[in-house]
């Protein structure tokens, strides 16, 4: 069982595309659901922190593994 409800892979896309795609996806989700985002853009780390602060959604986790960045964003 996964700890997220939906997943998007934005590998190869640079700012602001990962945020735009995540925003579009999270808008289709129910409150409390979790979106898993995969990115290769190092700038996405700060971008998703800012995005969570600005939108009131919760950045549950942010990690880097094998030159990829993984985020769990919970819809509030």
N, C-alpha and C. Protein backbone atom coordinates (compact mmCIF):
# COMPACT_ATOMS: atom_id res chain seq x y z
N UNK A 1 0.84 -1.20 0.00
CA UNK A 1 0.00 0.00 0.00
C UNK A 1 0.88 1.26 0.00
N UNK A 2 0.52 2.21 -0.81
CA UNK A 2 1.31 3.44 -0.89
C UNK A 2 0.76 4.47 0.10
N UNK A 3 1.61 5.43 0.45
CA UNK A 3 1.15 6.46 1.38
C UNK A 3 0.76 7.74 0.64
N UNK A 4 0.31 7.56 -0.61
CA UNK A 4 -0.19 8.71 -1.37
C UNK A 4 -1.34 8.26 -2.26
N UNK A 5 -2.14 9.23 -2.71
CA UNK A 5 -3.33 8.92 -3.50
C UNK A 5 -3.11 9.06 -5.00
N UNK A 6 -2.26 10.02 -5.37
CA UNK A 6 -1.95 10.25 -6.79
C UNK A 6 -0.48 10.54 -6.93
N UNK A 7 0.04 10.33 -8.14
CA UNK A 7 1.45 10.58 -8.39
C UNK A 7 1.62 11.26 -9.74
N UNK A 8 2.52 12.26 -9.77
CA UNK A 8 2.90 12.85 -11.05
C UNK A 8 4.41 12.86 -11.14
N UNK A 9 4.90 12.61 -12.34
CA UNK A 9 6.34 12.59 -12.58
C UNK A 9 6.67 13.78 -13.48
N UNK A 10 7.38 14.76 -12.92
CA UNK A 10 7.73 15.95 -13.68
C UNK A 10 9.22 15.94 -14.06
N UNK A 11 9.81 14.76 -14.09
CA UNK A 11 11.23 14.64 -14.44
C UNK A 11 11.51 15.28 -15.79
N UNK A 12 12.60 16.04 -15.85
CA UNK A 12 12.97 16.70 -17.10
C UNK A 12 12.36 18.08 -17.26
N UNK A 13 11.41 18.42 -16.40
CA UNK A 13 10.76 19.73 -16.49
C UNK A 13 11.41 20.68 -15.48
N UNK A 14 11.58 21.93 -15.88
CA UNK A 14 12.16 22.93 -14.99
C UNK A 14 11.10 23.90 -14.51
N UNK A 15 11.44 24.60 -13.46
CA UNK A 15 10.58 25.62 -12.86
C UNK A 15 10.03 26.53 -13.97
N UNK A 16 8.78 26.87 -13.94
CA UNK A 16 7.78 26.55 -12.91
C UNK A 16 6.90 25.35 -13.24
N UNK A 17 7.25 24.57 -14.23
CA UNK A 17 6.36 23.48 -14.67
C UNK A 17 6.01 22.44 -13.60
N UNK A 18 6.97 21.99 -12.77
CA UNK A 18 6.55 21.02 -11.73
C UNK A 18 5.47 21.58 -10.80
N UNK A 19 5.59 22.85 -10.44
CA UNK A 19 4.60 23.48 -9.57
C UNK A 19 3.25 23.61 -10.28
N UNK A 20 3.29 24.03 -11.54
CA UNK A 20 2.04 24.19 -12.31
C UNK A 20 1.31 22.85 -12.42
N UNK A 21 2.05 21.80 -12.74
CA UNK A 21 1.44 20.48 -12.88
C UNK A 21 0.90 19.98 -11.54
N UNK A 22 1.66 20.22 -10.47
CA UNK A 22 1.22 19.80 -9.14
C UNK A 22 -0.04 20.56 -8.72
N UNK A 23 -0.06 21.85 -9.00
CA UNK A 23 -1.22 22.68 -8.64
C UNK A 23 -2.46 22.19 -9.37
N UNK A 24 -2.31 21.92 -10.66
CA UNK A 24 -3.42 21.45 -11.47
C UNK A 24 -3.97 20.12 -10.92
N UNK A 25 -3.04 19.24 -10.56
CA UNK A 25 -3.43 17.91 -10.05
C UNK A 25 -4.08 18.01 -8.68
N UNK A 26 -3.48 18.81 -7.79
CA UNK A 26 -4.01 18.88 -6.41
C UNK A 26 -5.40 19.52 -6.39
N UNK A 27 -5.68 20.37 -7.38
CA UNK A 27 -7.00 20.98 -7.46
C UNK A 27 -8.10 19.97 -7.77
N UNK A 28 -7.73 18.80 -8.28
CA UNK A 28 -8.72 17.76 -8.60
C UNK A 28 -8.91 16.80 -7.43
N UNK A 29 -8.10 16.97 -6.38
CA UNK A 29 -8.09 16.01 -5.28
C UNK A 29 -8.97 16.46 -4.11
N UNK A 30 -9.31 15.49 -3.26
CA UNK A 30 -10.12 15.75 -2.06
C UNK A 30 -9.20 16.21 -0.93
N UNK A 31 -9.76 16.98 0.00
CA UNK A 31 -9.02 17.40 1.18
C UNK A 31 -8.50 16.16 1.92
N UNK A 32 -7.23 16.23 2.32
CA UNK A 32 -6.63 15.11 3.05
C UNK A 32 -5.90 14.11 2.16
N UNK A 33 -6.14 14.18 0.86
CA UNK A 33 -5.43 13.28 -0.04
C UNK A 33 -3.99 13.77 -0.24
N UNK A 34 -3.12 12.84 -0.60
CA UNK A 34 -1.69 13.15 -0.73
C UNK A 34 -1.23 12.93 -2.18
N UNK A 35 -0.51 13.93 -2.69
CA UNK A 35 0.05 13.87 -4.04
C UNK A 35 1.55 13.63 -3.94
N UNK A 36 2.03 12.64 -4.68
CA UNK A 36 3.47 12.33 -4.73
C UNK A 36 4.02 12.93 -6.01
N UNK A 37 5.03 13.79 -5.88
CA UNK A 37 5.62 14.45 -7.04
C UNK A 37 7.07 14.01 -7.18
N UNK A 38 7.45 13.65 -8.40
CA UNK A 38 8.83 13.29 -8.71
C UNK A 38 9.37 14.39 -9.61
N UNK A 39 10.57 14.89 -9.28
CA UNK A 39 11.15 15.98 -10.05
C UNK A 39 12.65 15.80 -10.20
N UNK A 40 13.21 16.39 -11.25
CA UNK A 40 14.67 16.38 -11.41
C UNK A 40 15.22 17.79 -11.27
N UNK A 41 14.34 18.75 -11.00
CA UNK A 41 14.74 20.15 -10.88
C UNK A 41 15.14 20.47 -9.44
N UNK A 42 16.43 20.78 -9.19
CA UNK A 42 16.87 21.09 -7.82
C UNK A 42 16.12 22.29 -7.24
N UNK A 43 15.68 23.19 -8.08
CA UNK A 43 14.93 24.35 -7.62
C UNK A 43 13.56 23.99 -7.06
N UNK A 44 13.10 22.79 -7.36
CA UNK A 44 11.77 22.37 -6.91
C UNK A 44 11.68 22.28 -5.39
N UNK A 45 12.82 22.03 -4.74
CA UNK A 45 12.80 21.91 -3.28
C UNK A 45 12.26 23.19 -2.64
N UNK A 46 12.86 24.32 -2.99
CA UNK A 46 12.38 25.60 -2.45
C UNK A 46 11.00 25.95 -3.01
N UNK A 47 10.78 25.61 -4.28
CA UNK A 47 9.49 25.92 -4.91
C UNK A 47 8.33 25.26 -4.17
N UNK A 48 8.49 23.98 -3.83
CA UNK A 48 7.39 23.27 -3.17
C UNK A 48 7.21 23.73 -1.73
N UNK A 49 8.31 24.15 -1.07
CA UNK A 49 8.17 24.72 0.27
C UNK A 49 7.33 26.00 0.19
N UNK A 50 7.67 26.86 -0.77
CA UNK A 50 6.92 28.12 -0.95
C UNK A 50 5.48 27.84 -1.34
N UNK A 51 5.29 26.90 -2.26
CA UNK A 51 3.95 26.55 -2.73
C UNK A 51 3.07 26.11 -1.56
N UNK A 52 3.62 25.26 -0.69
CA UNK A 52 2.85 24.78 0.47
C UNK A 52 2.49 25.94 1.39
N UNK A 53 3.45 26.83 1.64
CA UNK A 53 3.19 27.98 2.50
C UNK A 53 2.12 28.89 1.91
N UNK A 54 2.18 29.12 0.62
CA UNK A 54 1.25 30.05 -0.03
C UNK A 54 -0.15 29.48 -0.17
N UNK A 55 -0.26 28.16 -0.34
CA UNK A 55 -1.57 27.56 -0.62
C UNK A 55 -2.23 26.95 0.60
N UNK A 56 -1.47 26.77 1.70
CA UNK A 56 -2.05 26.16 2.89
C UNK A 56 -2.04 24.64 2.82
N UNK A 57 -1.48 24.09 1.74
CA UNK A 57 -1.32 22.64 1.68
C UNK A 57 -0.09 22.27 2.51
N UNK A 58 0.05 21.00 2.84
CA UNK A 58 1.12 20.57 3.74
C UNK A 58 2.17 19.77 2.96
N UNK A 59 3.43 20.23 3.04
CA UNK A 59 4.53 19.48 2.45
C UNK A 59 4.93 18.44 3.48
N UNK A 60 4.44 17.21 3.29
CA UNK A 60 4.64 16.13 4.26
C UNK A 60 6.09 15.68 4.26
N UNK A 61 6.68 15.55 3.06
CA UNK A 61 8.08 15.16 2.99
C UNK A 61 8.73 15.66 1.71
N UNK A 62 10.03 15.79 1.79
CA UNK A 62 10.83 16.26 0.67
C UNK A 62 12.16 15.54 0.77
N UNK A 63 12.49 14.72 -0.23
CA UNK A 63 13.76 14.00 -0.16
C UNK A 63 14.42 13.91 -1.52
N UNK A 64 15.74 13.75 -1.49
CA UNK A 64 16.51 13.60 -2.72
C UNK A 64 17.13 12.22 -2.72
N UNK A 65 17.01 11.54 -3.87
CA UNK A 65 17.58 10.20 -3.99
C UNK A 65 17.96 9.99 -5.46
N UNK A 66 19.20 9.65 -5.70
CA UNK A 66 19.68 9.37 -7.06
C UNK A 66 19.37 10.50 -8.04
N UNK A 67 19.70 11.72 -7.65
CA UNK A 67 19.51 12.92 -8.49
C UNK A 67 18.05 13.22 -8.81
N UNK A 68 17.14 12.62 -8.08
CA UNK A 68 15.72 12.95 -8.23
C UNK A 68 15.20 13.45 -6.90
N UNK A 69 14.15 14.24 -6.98
CA UNK A 69 13.55 14.82 -5.78
C UNK A 69 12.13 14.28 -5.66
N UNK A 70 11.77 13.90 -4.44
CA UNK A 70 10.46 13.31 -4.18
C UNK A 70 9.73 14.12 -3.12
N UNK A 71 8.51 14.49 -3.42
CA UNK A 71 7.73 15.31 -2.51
C UNK A 71 6.38 14.65 -2.25
N UNK A 72 5.93 14.77 -1.01
CA UNK A 72 4.57 14.36 -0.67
C UNK A 72 3.85 15.62 -0.22
N UNK A 73 2.79 15.95 -0.94
CA UNK A 73 2.03 17.17 -0.68
C UNK A 73 0.60 16.78 -0.32
N UNK A 74 0.18 17.18 0.87
CA UNK A 74 -1.16 16.84 1.36
C UNK A 74 -2.10 18.01 1.15
N UNK A 75 -3.22 17.73 0.52
CA UNK A 75 -4.20 18.80 0.26
C UNK A 75 -4.91 19.17 1.55
N UNK A 76 -4.96 20.48 1.81
CA UNK A 76 -5.63 20.97 3.00
C UNK A 76 -6.96 21.61 2.68
